[in-house]
Protein backbone atom coordinates (compact mmCIF):
# COMPACT_ATOMS: atom_id res chain seq x y z
CA MET A 1 -211.48 -38.80 -9.73
CA TYR A 2 -211.39 -36.22 -6.83
CA ALA A 3 -214.43 -34.45 -8.27
CA PHE A 4 -216.61 -37.85 -8.40
CA PHE A 5 -216.06 -38.25 -4.55
CA VAL A 6 -216.51 -34.64 -3.42
CA LYS A 7 -219.93 -34.78 -3.14
CA TRP A 8 -219.96 -37.78 -0.79
CA ASN A 9 -217.60 -36.11 1.50
CA ASP A 10 -218.28 -33.66 4.25
CA LEU A 11 -214.71 -33.52 5.01
CA ASP A 12 -211.98 -33.80 2.04
CA VAL A 13 -208.84 -35.50 3.32
CA PHE A 14 -205.61 -35.09 1.20
CA VAL A 15 -202.74 -37.58 2.29
CA GLU A 16 -199.20 -38.26 1.53
CA ASP A 17 -199.60 -42.08 1.63
CA THR A 18 -200.03 -43.89 -1.89
CA ALA A 19 -200.37 -47.56 -0.19
CA GLN A 20 -203.05 -49.39 -1.96
CA TYR A 21 -204.63 -49.97 1.24
CA ALA A 22 -204.10 -46.37 2.69
CA LYS A 23 -207.40 -45.09 1.46
CA ALA A 24 -209.56 -47.85 3.24
CA VAL A 25 -207.61 -47.64 6.52
CA TYR A 26 -207.62 -43.64 6.52
CA VAL A 27 -211.69 -43.83 6.01
CA SER A 28 -211.94 -46.49 8.67
CA VAL A 29 -209.83 -44.42 11.36
CA ILE A 30 -211.27 -40.97 10.64
CA GLY A 31 -214.56 -42.13 10.58
CA ARG A 32 -214.34 -43.33 13.93
CA MET A 33 -212.99 -39.98 14.93
CA LEU A 34 -216.15 -37.95 13.86
CA PRO A 35 -219.81 -37.78 14.53
CA GLU A 36 -221.97 -40.04 12.70
CA SER A 37 -223.65 -36.74 10.94
CA VAL A 38 -220.21 -36.19 9.37
CA LYS A 39 -219.06 -38.36 6.60
CA VAL A 40 -215.79 -39.32 4.81
CA THR A 41 -216.09 -42.00 2.04
CA ASP A 42 -212.69 -41.59 0.56
CA VAL A 43 -209.52 -39.56 0.98
CA PHE A 44 -206.95 -38.42 -1.74
CA PRO A 45 -203.39 -39.17 -1.97
CA LEU A 46 -201.32 -36.39 -3.35
CA GLY A 47 -198.13 -38.08 -3.47
CA ASP A 48 -194.78 -37.46 -1.56
CA ARG A 49 -194.75 -35.15 1.39
CA GLN A 50 -193.48 -32.11 -0.59
CA ARG A 51 -196.62 -32.50 -2.86
CA VAL A 52 -198.67 -32.33 0.00
CA ILE A 53 -197.16 -29.28 1.85
CA ALA A 54 -197.08 -27.54 -1.54
CA ALA A 55 -200.98 -28.32 -2.20
CA CYS A 56 -201.85 -27.28 1.18
CA THR A 57 -199.59 -24.00 0.90
CA ALA A 58 -201.15 -23.22 -2.23
CA ASP A 59 -204.92 -23.49 -0.70
CA THR A 60 -205.35 -20.09 0.05
CA VAL A 61 -209.37 -20.12 -0.77
CA VAL A 62 -211.41 -18.69 2.27
CA GLY A 63 -214.20 -20.97 3.18
CA GLY A 64 -215.38 -23.66 0.57
CA ARG A 65 -215.42 -27.42 1.20
CA ASN A 66 -214.06 -28.35 4.65
CA ARG A 67 -210.65 -30.13 4.07
CA ILE A 68 -207.49 -30.97 5.96
CA TYR A 69 -203.92 -32.33 4.57
CA LEU A 70 -202.26 -34.92 6.53
CA ILE A 71 -198.44 -35.90 6.17
CA ASP A 72 -196.28 -38.57 8.04
CA GLY A 73 -194.33 -37.53 11.21
CA ASP A 74 -191.05 -39.43 9.72
CA LEU A 75 -187.62 -38.62 11.20
CA GLY A 76 -188.79 -35.05 11.65
CA LEU A 77 -190.69 -36.13 14.75
CA ILE A 78 -187.07 -36.33 16.34
CA ASN A 79 -184.49 -34.31 14.36
CA ASP A 80 -186.98 -31.23 13.70
CA PRO A 81 -189.67 -31.39 16.48
CA GLN A 82 -190.85 -27.96 15.12
CA LYS A 83 -194.53 -28.32 13.76
CA LEU A 84 -195.11 -26.72 10.33
CA GLU A 85 -197.65 -23.90 10.95
CA ILE A 86 -199.56 -24.01 7.73
CA LYS A 87 -203.21 -23.52 7.71
CA ARG A 88 -205.05 -26.84 7.15
CA LEU A 89 -201.82 -29.09 7.35
CA PHE A 90 -201.46 -31.63 10.26
CA THR A 91 -198.53 -33.64 10.89
CA HIS A 92 -199.05 -37.18 12.37
CA ARG A 93 -197.35 -37.15 15.79
CA VAL A 94 -196.28 -40.60 15.05
CA TYR A 95 -193.97 -41.93 12.19
CA HIS A 96 -196.62 -42.90 9.88
CA LEU A 97 -200.18 -44.38 9.40
CA GLU A 98 -199.38 -47.72 10.38
CA ASN A 99 -197.95 -46.55 13.89
CA TYR A 100 -201.42 -45.98 14.83
CA PHE A 101 -202.02 -49.81 14.37
CA ILE A 102 -199.35 -51.02 16.98
CA CYS A 103 -202.22 -51.69 19.36
CA GLU A 104 -202.36 -54.66 21.88
CA ALA A 105 -206.03 -54.80 22.12
CA ALA A 106 -206.97 -54.67 18.44
CA LEU A 107 -204.18 -57.17 17.76
CA LEU A 108 -205.74 -59.63 20.37
CA GLU A 109 -209.02 -59.27 18.94
CA ILE A 110 -207.62 -60.45 15.42
CA LEU A 111 -205.46 -63.30 16.81
CA GLU A 112 -208.77 -64.56 18.64
CA ASP A 113 -210.29 -64.89 15.55
CA GLU A 114 -207.54 -66.73 13.88
CA ASN A 115 -207.09 -69.01 16.81
CA PRO A 116 -210.20 -70.27 17.92
CA ARG A 117 -208.98 -73.40 19.60
CA LEU A 118 -207.04 -71.13 22.05
CA ALA A 119 -208.74 -69.13 25.03
CA ALA A 120 -208.10 -65.57 25.15
CA GLU A 121 -206.16 -65.80 28.08
CA GLU A 122 -203.58 -68.21 26.56
CA ILE A 123 -203.24 -66.02 23.48
CA ARG A 124 -202.46 -63.04 25.71
CA ALA A 125 -199.97 -64.99 27.55
CA ARG A 126 -198.46 -66.20 24.14
CA LEU A 127 -198.51 -62.89 22.55
CA ASP A 128 -196.67 -61.21 25.91
CA PHE A 129 -197.07 -57.99 24.36
CA GLY A 130 -195.04 -56.44 26.70
CA SER A 131 -191.97 -58.31 26.38
CA TRP A 132 -192.06 -57.56 22.75
CA VAL A 133 -192.18 -54.03 23.17
CA ASN A 134 -189.06 -54.31 25.49
CA ASP A 135 -187.30 -56.49 22.82
CA MET A 136 -187.85 -53.49 20.48
CA GLU A 137 -185.67 -51.23 22.60
CA PRO A 138 -182.66 -51.45 20.48
CA LEU A 139 -184.55 -49.57 17.89
CA ARG A 140 -184.46 -46.44 19.99
CA ASP A 141 -180.70 -46.03 19.52
CA LEU A 142 -181.01 -47.09 15.98
CA PHE A 143 -183.81 -44.46 15.17
CA SER A 144 -181.93 -41.95 17.32
CA THR A 145 -178.59 -42.61 14.97
CA PHE A 146 -180.95 -42.36 11.74
CA GLY A 147 -182.26 -38.90 13.19
CA VAL A 148 -178.80 -37.61 13.96
CA SER A 149 -177.63 -38.94 10.46
CA ASN A 150 -180.39 -37.33 8.87
CA THR A 151 -179.75 -34.00 10.44
CA LEU A 152 -176.29 -33.77 9.86
CA SER A 153 -175.52 -35.71 6.63
CA PRO A 154 -179.17 -36.38 5.08
CA GLY A 155 -177.72 -37.94 1.78
CA LEU A 156 -176.79 -41.05 3.94
CA PRO A 157 -179.06 -44.00 3.89
CA THR A 158 -181.30 -44.58 6.95
CA VAL A 159 -184.79 -45.97 7.28
CA LYS A 160 -184.63 -47.09 3.84
CA ILE A 161 -181.86 -49.58 4.73
CA GLY A 162 -184.39 -51.89 5.99
CA VAL A 163 -185.07 -54.07 9.10
CA ASP A 164 -183.32 -57.23 7.74
CA ARG A 165 -180.19 -55.62 8.09
CA PHE A 166 -180.53 -55.57 11.62
CA THR A 167 -181.32 -59.01 12.21
CA THR A 168 -180.19 -62.50 13.12
CA ALA A 169 -180.18 -65.35 10.50
CA SER A 170 -183.70 -66.34 12.23
CA LYS A 171 -184.96 -62.89 11.51
CA ASN A 172 -184.89 -61.64 15.01
CA LEU A 173 -183.76 -58.39 16.01
CA ASP A 174 -179.98 -58.38 16.53
CA PRO A 175 -178.79 -55.69 19.00
CA GLN A 176 -175.07 -56.19 18.37
CA LYS A 177 -175.62 -55.37 14.72
CA ILE A 178 -177.62 -52.14 15.87
CA PHE A 179 -174.79 -51.18 18.08
CA GLU A 180 -172.32 -51.87 15.36
CA PHE A 181 -173.91 -49.87 12.92
CA CYS A 182 -174.66 -46.93 15.11
CA ALA A 183 -171.29 -46.87 16.36
CA GLU A 184 -169.76 -46.89 12.75
CA ARG A 185 -172.38 -44.15 11.74
CA ILE A 186 -171.72 -41.73 14.49
CA ALA A 187 -168.00 -42.11 14.19
CA TYR A 188 -168.30 -41.00 10.48
CA LEU A 189 -170.46 -38.00 11.69
CA TYR A 190 -167.75 -37.01 14.22
CA ALA A 191 -165.20 -37.53 11.51
CA ASN A 192 -167.19 -35.09 9.07
CA HIS A 193 -168.69 -32.65 11.02
CA PRO A 194 -167.41 -30.58 14.38
CA LYS A 195 -167.90 -32.23 17.45
CA ARG A 196 -170.05 -29.60 19.22
CA THR A 197 -172.44 -29.75 16.08
CA VAL A 198 -172.79 -33.69 16.48
CA ASP A 199 -173.12 -33.46 20.24
CA ALA A 200 -175.90 -30.89 20.07
CA ALA A 201 -177.72 -33.06 17.36
CA ILE A 202 -177.58 -36.30 19.42
CA LYS A 203 -178.93 -34.13 22.22
CA MET A 204 -181.64 -32.84 20.38
CA VAL A 205 -182.60 -36.08 18.92
CA ASN A 206 -182.65 -38.15 22.15
CA THR A 207 -184.50 -35.39 24.10
CA SER A 208 -187.27 -35.48 21.37
CA ILE A 209 -187.18 -39.31 21.63
CA ASP A 210 -187.35 -39.40 25.48
CA SER A 211 -190.26 -36.84 25.38
CA LYS A 212 -192.72 -39.33 23.72
CA GLU A 213 -195.06 -41.25 25.75
CA PHE A 214 -194.47 -44.54 23.60
CA PHE A 215 -191.12 -44.72 22.09
CA LEU A 216 -192.40 -46.93 19.18
CA ASP A 217 -194.27 -44.06 17.84
CA VAL A 218 -190.98 -42.71 16.19
CA ILE A 219 -190.13 -46.25 14.67
CA ALA A 220 -191.35 -46.62 11.19
CA ALA A 221 -194.09 -49.44 11.85
CA ARG A 222 -194.66 -50.75 8.30
CA GLU A 223 -190.77 -51.19 7.64
CA TYR A 224 -189.39 -52.34 11.13
CA LEU A 225 -192.27 -52.97 13.93
CA PHE A 226 -194.71 -54.93 11.86
CA PRO A 227 -192.04 -57.16 10.22
CA LEU A 228 -190.73 -57.81 13.53
CA LEU A 229 -194.13 -58.18 15.32
CA LYS A 230 -195.27 -60.88 12.73
CA ARG A 231 -192.29 -62.92 13.36
CA TRP A 232 -192.62 -62.61 16.98
CA ILE A 233 -196.17 -63.82 16.92
CA GLY A 234 -195.18 -66.79 14.76
CA SER A 235 -192.57 -67.68 16.89
CA LYS A 236 -195.32 -68.00 19.87
CA GLY A 237 -197.26 -70.66 18.12
CA LEU A 238 -199.95 -68.17 17.02
CA ARG A 239 -201.67 -68.23 13.49
CA LEU A 240 -201.87 -64.99 11.66
CA SER A 241 -202.63 -65.13 8.12
CA ALA A 242 -203.68 -61.95 7.28
CA GLY A 243 -201.21 -60.03 5.00
CA ASN A 244 -200.61 -56.54 5.81
CA GLU A 245 -203.35 -54.81 3.68
CA SER A 246 -205.88 -56.99 5.51
CA LEU A 247 -204.23 -56.71 8.55
CA PHE A 248 -204.03 -52.81 9.09
CA TYR A 249 -207.80 -52.77 8.05
CA ARG A 250 -208.61 -55.13 10.61
CA ILE A 251 -206.97 -53.14 13.12
CA SER A 252 -208.02 -49.76 12.07
CA LYS A 253 -211.47 -50.66 13.05
CA SER A 254 -210.86 -51.17 16.62
CA CYS A 255 -207.17 -49.78 17.68
CA GLU A 256 -207.16 -47.35 20.52
CA LEU A 257 -207.10 -43.81 19.53
CA GLU A 258 -207.60 -42.13 22.92
CA ARG A 259 -203.82 -41.31 23.28
CA HIS A 260 -203.86 -39.74 19.66
CA THR A 261 -205.87 -36.78 20.99
CA GLU A 262 -204.24 -33.89 18.61
CA PHE A 263 -204.99 -36.29 15.56
CA LYS A 264 -208.49 -36.60 16.84
CA ASP A 265 -209.03 -32.93 17.51
CA ALA A 266 -207.34 -31.73 14.09
CA ILE A 267 -210.00 -33.81 12.33
CA ARG A 268 -212.96 -32.87 14.12
CA ARG A 269 -211.79 -29.26 14.07
CA ALA A 270 -211.46 -29.65 10.19
CA ALA A 271 -215.00 -31.45 10.00
CA THR A 272 -216.90 -28.85 11.85
CA GLU A 273 -215.30 -25.31 11.82
CA ARG A 274 -216.37 -23.05 8.87
CA HIS A 275 -214.61 -20.40 7.09
CA LEU A 276 -211.48 -22.62 7.10
C-alpha cells in the first residue's frame, strides 16, 4: 500500500499511531504546516514506538525521497527528557497526537456549530475552558507518579489504568482517589528502591513537568483529557454529538499550532531539505 501512495506524496511520513482516524488527522495537521506546493496525501503507520525507531535507524540511504518518522512523547517526556538523536526521527513534544487538539479556539468553533441556538459568548462562558484546565491540576501529580513509577518499576501499570479509576460516581475527576493512589505507589517505590534513587527520580520528573509551557501536554489526551473534557461539556448544557474520530478530525483543521514550533520546523525541514 505504501508504494501506491508514494507518487502522491512530496513528503513520506511514517508514524507510530495505528488508530483508524490517525491517517486523516495527520494529513490534516501536517498539510497546514507545509507550503501549498508540498503535498502529503497519506501517512504510513508502522506499529508501535520501537518499530518506528527501528525503521528509522535502519533508514541509512542518503538522499532519495524526503521522509520523516514520528513517535509519541509518552511518559518519556517527563522521565527520559533526553531526545533521541536519530536522523529523520522526531519525537512529539506532547504526550501523543491527540494532545494537539486540546485547543479552546478550535473546540469553540465546533460547539458553535453544534449549539446554533446559543450565542458564541454564551458558549464560551458555559465552556469556561480555563476552569476546566484548573480542574485538571490533580492529573499533574498523577502523571508525575506515573513517570516516577515507570522509571523505577516499569512493570507496574500506569497510564493504562485508565481515567475511570480516578473519577467519582458521576465520572468527574476525584482528587482524593488520585492522592491515595499516588501515596500508595510512591510508598511502594520507597519500599523497593533506595531512598536517594526515588528522591532523584521524583525531582527529575517534577522538574520536567514544571518546564512545560502547558502542563496538559504531558497528560495522555486520548485516555484522560478528552473523556473528562467531554463530560465537562455535557455538564455545562452544551451539545457535542461528535464521536472521537469526527471530533479529532474537525479540530485538526483549525487547532492552534503556533506554539508547537519544533514539530512545524521538523516537518518543514523534512519536506524541503535535500540529501536527507
